[in-house]
Amino acid sequence: MHFKTILAASVLALSLPIAAQAQGLVRGAERGAQEGADAAGPIGAIVGGAVGAATGTVGGILGVDDRPRFRQYVTRERRPSYTYDGDVRVGTVLPGTGVTYYDVPDEYGARGARYTIVNERPVLVDRSRRIVEVID
């Protein structure tokens, strides 16, 4: 039973797209492996690493360590905020007009993402203007 779980988690982690690996996979794997090792020893590290890799890519484009730094960057830039009547959440597609989108600096590793400020909250969006991460 444990072997099947480890195998399935490993296959999942190895099958993730290369773009995702640059955006959270490594950090998620490292954190998952450490937490798994702390909880259940070597087997926990293997399972935790695979699961952490998968959730690291789902949990956001910016790594946990980059979020506060990126928020400081956005604050320093003093970009105007767009007032939006709907929910500001992952999956929301922002309008094509009236919103100004900015490139995310390369140092944050958010390839393919842009950012804007919506209701005073920085958000990352993909090329289709869909919110992919809300930076709190």
N, C-alpha and C. Protein backbone atom coordinates (compact mmCIF):
# COMPACT_ATOMS: atom_id res chain seq x y z
N MET A 1 0.82 -1.19 0.00
CA MET A 1 0.00 0.00 0.00
C MET A 1 0.87 1.26 0.00
N HIS A 2 1.87 1.32 0.88
CA HIS A 2 2.73 2.50 0.94
C HIS A 2 3.51 2.67 -0.35
N PHE A 3 3.95 1.56 -0.93
CA PHE A 3 4.72 1.63 -2.16
C PHE A 3 3.88 2.24 -3.28
N LYS A 4 2.61 1.85 -3.37
CA LYS A 4 1.73 2.38 -4.41
C LYS A 4 1.51 3.89 -4.22
N THR A 5 1.39 4.32 -2.99
CA THR A 5 1.21 5.74 -2.71
C THR A 5 2.45 6.52 -3.11
N ILE A 6 3.61 6.01 -2.76
CA ILE A 6 4.86 6.67 -3.11
C ILE A 6 5.02 6.72 -4.62
N LEU A 7 4.73 5.62 -5.27
CA LEU A 7 4.86 5.55 -6.73
C LEU A 7 3.91 6.53 -7.40
N ALA A 8 2.67 6.57 -6.95
CA ALA A 8 1.69 7.48 -7.55
C ALA A 8 2.10 8.94 -7.35
N ALA A 9 2.54 9.28 -6.15
CA ALA A 9 2.96 10.65 -5.87
C ALA A 9 4.19 11.02 -6.69
N SER A 10 5.10 10.10 -6.85
CA SER A 10 6.30 10.36 -7.64
C SER A 10 5.97 10.58 -9.11
N VAL A 11 5.09 9.76 -9.64
CA VAL A 11 4.68 9.92 -11.03
C VAL A 11 4.01 11.26 -11.23
N LEU A 12 3.16 11.66 -10.30
CA LEU A 12 2.49 12.96 -10.39
C LEU A 12 3.52 14.09 -10.40
N ALA A 13 4.45 14.04 -9.51
CA ALA A 13 5.46 15.10 -9.41
C ALA A 13 6.32 15.16 -10.67
N LEU A 14 6.66 14.02 -11.22
CA LEU A 14 7.50 13.99 -12.41
C LEU A 14 6.75 14.38 -13.67
N SER A 15 5.45 14.30 -13.64
CA SER A 15 4.68 14.61 -14.84
C SER A 15 4.26 16.06 -14.94
N LEU A 16 4.58 16.87 -13.96
CA LEU A 16 4.20 18.28 -14.00
C LEU A 16 4.99 18.99 -15.09
N PRO A 17 4.40 19.99 -15.71
CA PRO A 17 5.09 20.70 -16.78
C PRO A 17 6.34 21.41 -16.30
N ILE A 18 7.28 21.58 -17.20
CA ILE A 18 8.55 22.22 -16.86
C ILE A 18 8.33 23.64 -16.40
N ALA A 19 7.38 24.34 -17.00
CA ALA A 19 7.11 25.72 -16.57
C ALA A 19 6.72 25.77 -15.11
N ALA A 20 5.97 24.81 -14.67
CA ALA A 20 5.55 24.78 -13.27
C ALA A 20 6.74 24.52 -12.36
N GLN A 21 7.71 23.76 -12.83
CA GLN A 21 8.88 23.48 -12.01
C GLN A 21 9.60 24.76 -11.64
N ALA A 22 9.60 25.73 -12.53
CA ALA A 22 10.28 26.99 -12.26
C ALA A 22 9.47 27.87 -11.32
N GLN A 23 8.24 27.51 -11.04
CA GLN A 23 7.36 28.39 -10.30
C GLN A 23 6.78 27.75 -9.05
N GLY A 24 7.54 27.05 -8.30
CA GLY A 24 7.03 26.54 -7.05
C GLY A 24 7.31 25.08 -6.79
N LEU A 25 7.62 24.32 -7.81
CA LEU A 25 7.84 22.89 -7.66
C LEU A 25 8.99 22.60 -6.71
N VAL A 26 10.11 23.25 -6.93
CA VAL A 26 11.30 22.97 -6.12
C VAL A 26 11.06 23.36 -4.66
N ARG A 27 10.52 24.56 -4.46
CA ARG A 27 10.27 25.01 -3.09
C ARG A 27 9.24 24.13 -2.40
N GLY A 28 8.20 23.74 -3.13
CA GLY A 28 7.18 22.87 -2.56
C GLY A 28 7.75 21.52 -2.21
N ALA A 29 8.60 20.98 -3.09
CA ALA A 29 9.21 19.68 -2.83
C ALA A 29 10.12 19.73 -1.61
N GLU A 30 10.91 20.79 -1.52
CA GLU A 30 11.81 20.92 -0.36
C GLU A 30 11.04 21.00 0.94
N ARG A 31 10.03 21.84 0.95
CA ARG A 31 9.24 22.01 2.18
C ARG A 31 8.49 20.73 2.52
N GLY A 32 7.89 20.09 1.52
CA GLY A 32 7.15 18.85 1.76
C GLY A 32 8.05 17.75 2.27
N ALA A 33 9.25 17.65 1.69
CA ALA A 33 10.19 16.62 2.13
C ALA A 33 10.61 16.83 3.57
N GLN A 34 10.87 18.09 3.93
CA GLN A 34 11.29 18.38 5.30
C GLN A 34 10.17 18.08 6.29
N GLU A 35 8.95 18.52 5.96
CA GLU A 35 7.84 18.28 6.87
C GLU A 35 7.51 16.79 6.96
N GLY A 36 7.61 16.09 5.82
CA GLY A 36 7.37 14.65 5.82
C GLY A 36 8.41 13.91 6.64
N ALA A 37 9.67 14.31 6.52
CA ALA A 37 10.74 13.68 7.29
C ALA A 37 10.55 13.92 8.78
N ASP A 38 10.16 15.13 9.13
CA ASP A 38 9.92 15.44 10.55
C ASP A 38 8.80 14.59 11.12
N ALA A 39 7.77 14.35 10.31
CA ALA A 39 6.60 13.62 10.80
C ALA A 39 6.76 12.10 10.73
N ALA A 40 7.43 11.59 9.68
CA ALA A 40 7.43 10.14 9.48
C ALA A 40 8.75 9.57 8.99
N GLY A 41 9.83 10.28 9.16
CA GLY A 41 11.13 9.74 8.78
C GLY A 41 11.34 9.70 7.27
N PRO A 42 12.21 8.80 6.79
CA PRO A 42 12.58 8.77 5.38
C PRO A 42 11.40 8.54 4.43
N ILE A 43 10.49 7.65 4.78
CA ILE A 43 9.33 7.41 3.91
C ILE A 43 8.47 8.68 3.85
N GLY A 44 8.32 9.34 4.97
CA GLY A 44 7.58 10.59 5.00
C GLY A 44 8.22 11.66 4.13
N ALA A 45 9.55 11.68 4.09
CA ALA A 45 10.25 12.64 3.25
C ALA A 45 9.99 12.40 1.77
N ILE A 46 9.95 11.13 1.38
CA ILE A 46 9.69 10.80 -0.03
C ILE A 46 8.28 11.22 -0.42
N VAL A 47 7.31 10.81 0.37
CA VAL A 47 5.92 11.16 0.08
C VAL A 47 5.71 12.67 0.20
N GLY A 48 6.23 13.27 1.25
CA GLY A 48 6.09 14.71 1.45
C GLY A 48 6.71 15.51 0.33
N GLY A 49 7.85 15.06 -0.19
CA GLY A 49 8.49 15.76 -1.29
C GLY A 49 7.65 15.74 -2.55
N ALA A 50 7.08 14.58 -2.86
CA ALA A 50 6.25 14.47 -4.06
C ALA A 50 4.97 15.27 -3.92
N VAL A 51 4.33 15.16 -2.77
CA VAL A 51 3.08 15.90 -2.55
C VAL A 51 3.38 17.40 -2.48
N GLY A 52 4.45 17.77 -1.82
CA GLY A 52 4.83 19.18 -1.74
C GLY A 52 5.14 19.77 -3.10
N ALA A 53 5.74 18.98 -3.98
CA ALA A 53 6.01 19.45 -5.33
C ALA A 53 4.72 19.74 -6.06
N ALA A 54 3.77 18.87 -5.93
CA ALA A 54 2.48 19.06 -6.60
C ALA A 54 1.74 20.26 -6.03
N THR A 55 1.67 20.37 -4.72
CA THR A 55 0.93 21.48 -4.13
C THR A 55 1.70 22.79 -4.23
N GLY A 56 3.00 22.72 -4.33
CA GLY A 56 3.78 23.94 -4.50
C GLY A 56 3.47 24.64 -5.80
N THR A 57 3.12 23.88 -6.83
CA THR A 57 2.77 24.50 -8.09
C THR A 57 1.33 24.95 -8.11
N VAL A 58 0.47 24.29 -7.35
CA VAL A 58 -0.92 24.66 -7.31
C VAL A 58 -1.12 25.86 -6.39
N GLY A 59 -0.32 25.93 -5.32
CA GLY A 59 -0.51 26.95 -4.30
C GLY A 59 -0.18 28.36 -4.73
N GLY A 60 0.47 28.57 -5.81
CA GLY A 60 0.77 29.91 -6.27
C GLY A 60 1.98 29.98 -7.14
N ILE A 61 2.08 31.06 -7.87
CA ILE A 61 3.20 31.28 -8.77
C ILE A 61 4.43 31.72 -7.99
N LEU A 62 4.22 32.65 -7.07
CA LEU A 62 5.33 33.11 -6.24
C LEU A 62 5.53 32.15 -5.09
N GLY A 63 6.76 31.92 -4.76
CA GLY A 63 7.05 31.08 -3.60
C GLY A 63 6.70 31.82 -2.31
N VAL A 64 6.59 31.07 -1.25
CA VAL A 64 6.24 31.65 0.05
C VAL A 64 7.22 32.75 0.44
N ASP A 65 8.49 32.55 0.15
CA ASP A 65 9.51 33.53 0.51
C ASP A 65 9.45 34.78 -0.37
N ASP A 66 8.94 34.65 -1.60
CA ASP A 66 8.91 35.78 -2.52
C ASP A 66 7.70 36.69 -2.33
N ARG A 67 6.65 36.20 -1.72
CA ARG A 67 5.43 37.00 -1.59
C ARG A 67 5.64 38.30 -0.82
N PRO A 68 6.24 38.25 0.39
CA PRO A 68 6.43 39.52 1.11
C PRO A 68 7.35 40.48 0.34
N ARG A 69 8.37 39.94 -0.28
CA ARG A 69 9.31 40.77 -1.05
C ARG A 69 8.60 41.40 -2.25
N PHE A 70 7.77 40.62 -2.93
CA PHE A 70 7.03 41.14 -4.07
C PHE A 70 6.02 42.20 -3.62
N ARG A 71 5.38 41.96 -2.50
CA ARG A 71 4.42 42.95 -1.97
C ARG A 71 5.13 44.27 -1.68
N GLN A 72 6.34 44.21 -1.12
CA GLN A 72 7.13 45.42 -0.87
C GLN A 72 7.47 46.12 -2.18
N TYR A 73 7.84 45.31 -3.19
CA TYR A 73 8.15 45.87 -4.50
C TYR A 73 6.95 46.63 -5.05
N VAL A 74 5.76 46.01 -5.00
CA VAL A 74 4.55 46.64 -5.53
C VAL A 74 4.24 47.92 -4.75
N THR A 75 4.42 47.92 -3.45
CA THR A 75 4.18 49.10 -2.62
C THR A 75 5.11 50.24 -3.03
N ARG A 76 6.39 49.92 -3.27
CA ARG A 76 7.36 50.93 -3.70
C ARG A 76 7.00 51.52 -5.06
N GLU A 77 6.43 50.71 -5.94
CA GLU A 77 6.09 51.16 -7.29
C GLU A 77 4.92 52.14 -7.32
N ARG A 78 4.06 52.10 -6.30
CA ARG A 78 2.92 53.01 -6.18
C ARG A 78 2.05 53.04 -7.43
N ARG A 79 1.65 51.87 -7.88
CA ARG A 79 0.76 51.78 -9.05
C ARG A 79 -0.67 52.11 -8.63
N PRO A 80 -1.44 52.71 -9.54
CA PRO A 80 -2.84 53.00 -9.19
C PRO A 80 -3.66 51.72 -9.09
N SER A 81 -4.67 51.75 -8.24
CA SER A 81 -5.53 50.60 -8.03
C SER A 81 -6.77 50.71 -8.92
N TYR A 82 -7.15 49.58 -9.49
CA TYR A 82 -8.36 49.49 -10.30
C TYR A 82 -9.50 49.09 -9.36
N THR A 83 -10.62 49.79 -9.43
CA THR A 83 -11.78 49.47 -8.61
C THR A 83 -12.63 48.44 -9.35
N TYR A 84 -12.81 47.29 -8.71
CA TYR A 84 -13.54 46.18 -9.32
C TYR A 84 -14.72 45.82 -8.42
N ASP A 85 -15.91 45.66 -9.02
CA ASP A 85 -17.12 45.37 -8.24
C ASP A 85 -17.25 43.91 -7.83
N GLY A 86 -16.59 43.00 -8.56
CA GLY A 86 -16.72 41.58 -8.27
C GLY A 86 -15.73 41.10 -7.23
N ASP A 87 -15.69 39.77 -7.06
CA ASP A 87 -14.76 39.15 -6.13
C ASP A 87 -13.35 39.19 -6.69
N VAL A 88 -12.40 39.58 -5.84
CA VAL A 88 -10.99 39.53 -6.22
C VAL A 88 -10.46 38.21 -5.71
N ARG A 89 -10.45 37.21 -6.59
CA ARG A 89 -10.02 35.86 -6.20
C ARG A 89 -9.42 35.15 -7.41
N VAL A 90 -8.71 34.09 -7.14
CA VAL A 90 -8.11 33.29 -8.21
C VAL A 90 -9.23 32.79 -9.12
N GLY A 91 -9.01 32.94 -10.41
CA GLY A 91 -9.99 32.49 -11.41
C GLY A 91 -10.79 33.62 -12.01
N THR A 92 -10.87 34.76 -11.33
CA THR A 92 -11.61 35.91 -11.86
C THR A 92 -10.88 36.44 -13.08
N VAL A 93 -11.63 36.72 -14.15
CA VAL A 93 -11.06 37.33 -15.35
C VAL A 93 -11.35 38.82 -15.30
N LEU A 94 -10.29 39.61 -15.33
CA LEU A 94 -10.42 41.06 -15.26
C LEU A 94 -10.74 41.62 -16.64
N PRO A 95 -11.32 42.81 -16.68
CA PRO A 95 -11.67 43.43 -17.96
C PRO A 95 -10.44 43.72 -18.82
N GLY A 96 -10.65 43.78 -20.13
CA GLY A 96 -9.56 44.07 -21.06
C GLY A 96 -9.27 45.56 -21.15
N THR A 97 -10.21 46.39 -20.72
CA THR A 97 -9.99 47.83 -20.77
C THR A 97 -10.13 48.40 -19.36
N GLY A 98 -9.40 49.48 -19.12
CA GLY A 98 -9.48 50.16 -17.83
C GLY A 98 -8.48 49.66 -16.79
N VAL A 99 -7.94 48.48 -17.00
CA VAL A 99 -6.97 47.90 -16.06
C VAL A 99 -5.59 48.00 -16.71
N THR A 100 -4.62 48.44 -15.95
CA THR A 100 -3.25 48.49 -16.44
C THR A 100 -2.48 47.31 -15.87
N TYR A 101 -1.81 46.57 -16.75
CA TYR A 101 -1.05 45.39 -16.35
C TYR A 101 0.44 45.69 -16.47
N TYR A 102 1.22 45.15 -15.53
CA TYR A 102 2.66 45.41 -15.48
C TYR A 102 3.41 44.09 -15.48
N ASP A 103 4.61 44.11 -16.05
CA ASP A 103 5.45 42.91 -16.05
C ASP A 103 6.00 42.66 -14.65
N VAL A 104 6.07 41.39 -14.28
CA VAL A 104 6.69 41.00 -13.01
C VAL A 104 8.20 40.90 -13.27
N PRO A 105 9.03 41.56 -12.47
CA PRO A 105 10.48 41.47 -12.67
C PRO A 105 10.96 40.01 -12.64
N ASP A 106 11.96 39.71 -13.45
CA ASP A 106 12.49 38.36 -13.57
C ASP A 106 12.94 37.77 -12.24
N GLU A 107 13.38 38.59 -11.32
CA GLU A 107 13.91 38.09 -10.05
C GLU A 107 12.87 37.32 -9.22
N TYR A 108 11.59 37.47 -9.56
CA TYR A 108 10.54 36.77 -8.82
C TYR A 108 10.16 35.45 -9.46
N GLY A 109 10.69 35.14 -10.63
CA GLY A 109 10.47 33.85 -11.27
C GLY A 109 9.03 33.56 -11.66
N ALA A 110 8.26 34.58 -11.93
CA ALA A 110 6.85 34.39 -12.30
C ALA A 110 6.69 34.51 -13.81
N ARG A 111 7.32 33.61 -14.53
CA ARG A 111 7.29 33.66 -15.99
C ARG A 111 5.86 33.62 -16.53
N GLY A 112 5.61 34.50 -17.49
CA GLY A 112 4.31 34.51 -18.13
C GLY A 112 3.24 35.24 -17.34
N ALA A 113 3.57 35.74 -16.16
CA ALA A 113 2.57 36.43 -15.35
C ALA A 113 2.83 37.94 -15.38
N ARG A 114 1.76 38.67 -15.26
CA ARG A 114 1.83 40.11 -15.09
C ARG A 114 1.13 40.42 -13.77
N TYR A 115 1.21 41.65 -13.34
CA TYR A 115 0.50 42.01 -12.11
C TYR A 115 -0.27 43.31 -12.31
N THR A 116 -1.22 43.51 -11.46
CA THR A 116 -1.96 44.75 -11.38
C THR A 116 -2.44 44.90 -9.94
N ILE A 117 -3.03 46.04 -9.66
CA ILE A 117 -3.57 46.30 -8.34
C ILE A 117 -5.09 46.40 -8.50
N VAL A 118 -5.82 45.59 -7.75
CA VAL A 118 -7.28 45.58 -7.82
C VAL A 118 -7.81 45.76 -6.41
N ASN A 119 -8.61 46.80 -6.22
CA ASN A 119 -9.17 47.10 -4.90
C ASN A 119 -8.09 47.14 -3.82
N GLU A 120 -6.97 47.77 -4.19
CA GLU A 120 -5.81 47.95 -3.29
C GLU A 120 -5.08 46.66 -2.98
N ARG A 121 -5.34 45.59 -3.74
CA ARG A 121 -4.66 44.31 -3.52
C ARG A 121 -3.87 43.93 -4.77
N PRO A 122 -2.58 43.64 -4.62
CA PRO A 122 -1.81 43.18 -5.78
C PRO A 122 -2.25 41.78 -6.19
N VAL A 123 -2.38 41.56 -7.49
CA VAL A 123 -2.74 40.26 -8.02
C VAL A 123 -1.85 39.93 -9.21
N LEU A 124 -1.56 38.65 -9.37
CA LEU A 124 -0.87 38.17 -10.56
C LEU A 124 -1.92 37.67 -11.53
N VAL A 125 -1.73 37.98 -12.81
CA VAL A 125 -2.67 37.54 -13.84
C VAL A 125 -1.90 36.87 -14.97
N ASP A 126 -2.57 35.95 -15.67
CA ASP A 126 -1.95 35.34 -16.84
C ASP A 126 -2.28 36.19 -18.07
N ARG A 127 -1.88 35.74 -19.23
CA ARG A 127 -2.07 36.53 -20.46
C ARG A 127 -3.53 36.70 -20.85
N SER A 128 -4.40 35.87 -20.29
CA SER A 128 -5.83 36.00 -20.58
C SER A 128 -6.53 36.90 -19.54
N ARG A 129 -5.76 37.57 -18.69
CA ARG A 129 -6.24 38.48 -17.65
C ARG A 129 -6.93 37.76 -16.50
N ARG A 130 -6.73 36.46 -16.40
CA ARG A 130 -7.29 35.67 -15.31
C ARG A 130 -6.38 35.80 -14.09
N ILE A 131 -6.95 36.08 -12.92
CA ILE A 131 -6.17 36.17 -11.68
C ILE A 131 -5.67 34.77 -11.33
N VAL A 132 -4.35 34.64 -11.19
CA VAL A 132 -3.76 33.36 -10.83
C VAL A 132 -3.22 33.35 -9.41
N GLU A 133 -3.08 34.54 -8.82
CA GLU A 133 -2.63 34.62 -7.43
C GLU A 133 -2.96 35.98 -6.86
N VAL A 134 -3.51 35.98 -5.66
CA VAL A 134 -3.78 37.22 -4.92
C VAL A 134 -2.70 37.32 -3.86
N ILE A 135 -1.98 38.42 -3.86
CA ILE A 135 -0.87 38.59 -2.92
C ILE A 135 -1.39 39.32 -1.68
N ASP A 136 -1.50 38.58 -0.57
CA ASP A 136 -1.96 39.17 0.69
C ASP A 136 -0.80 39.48 1.59
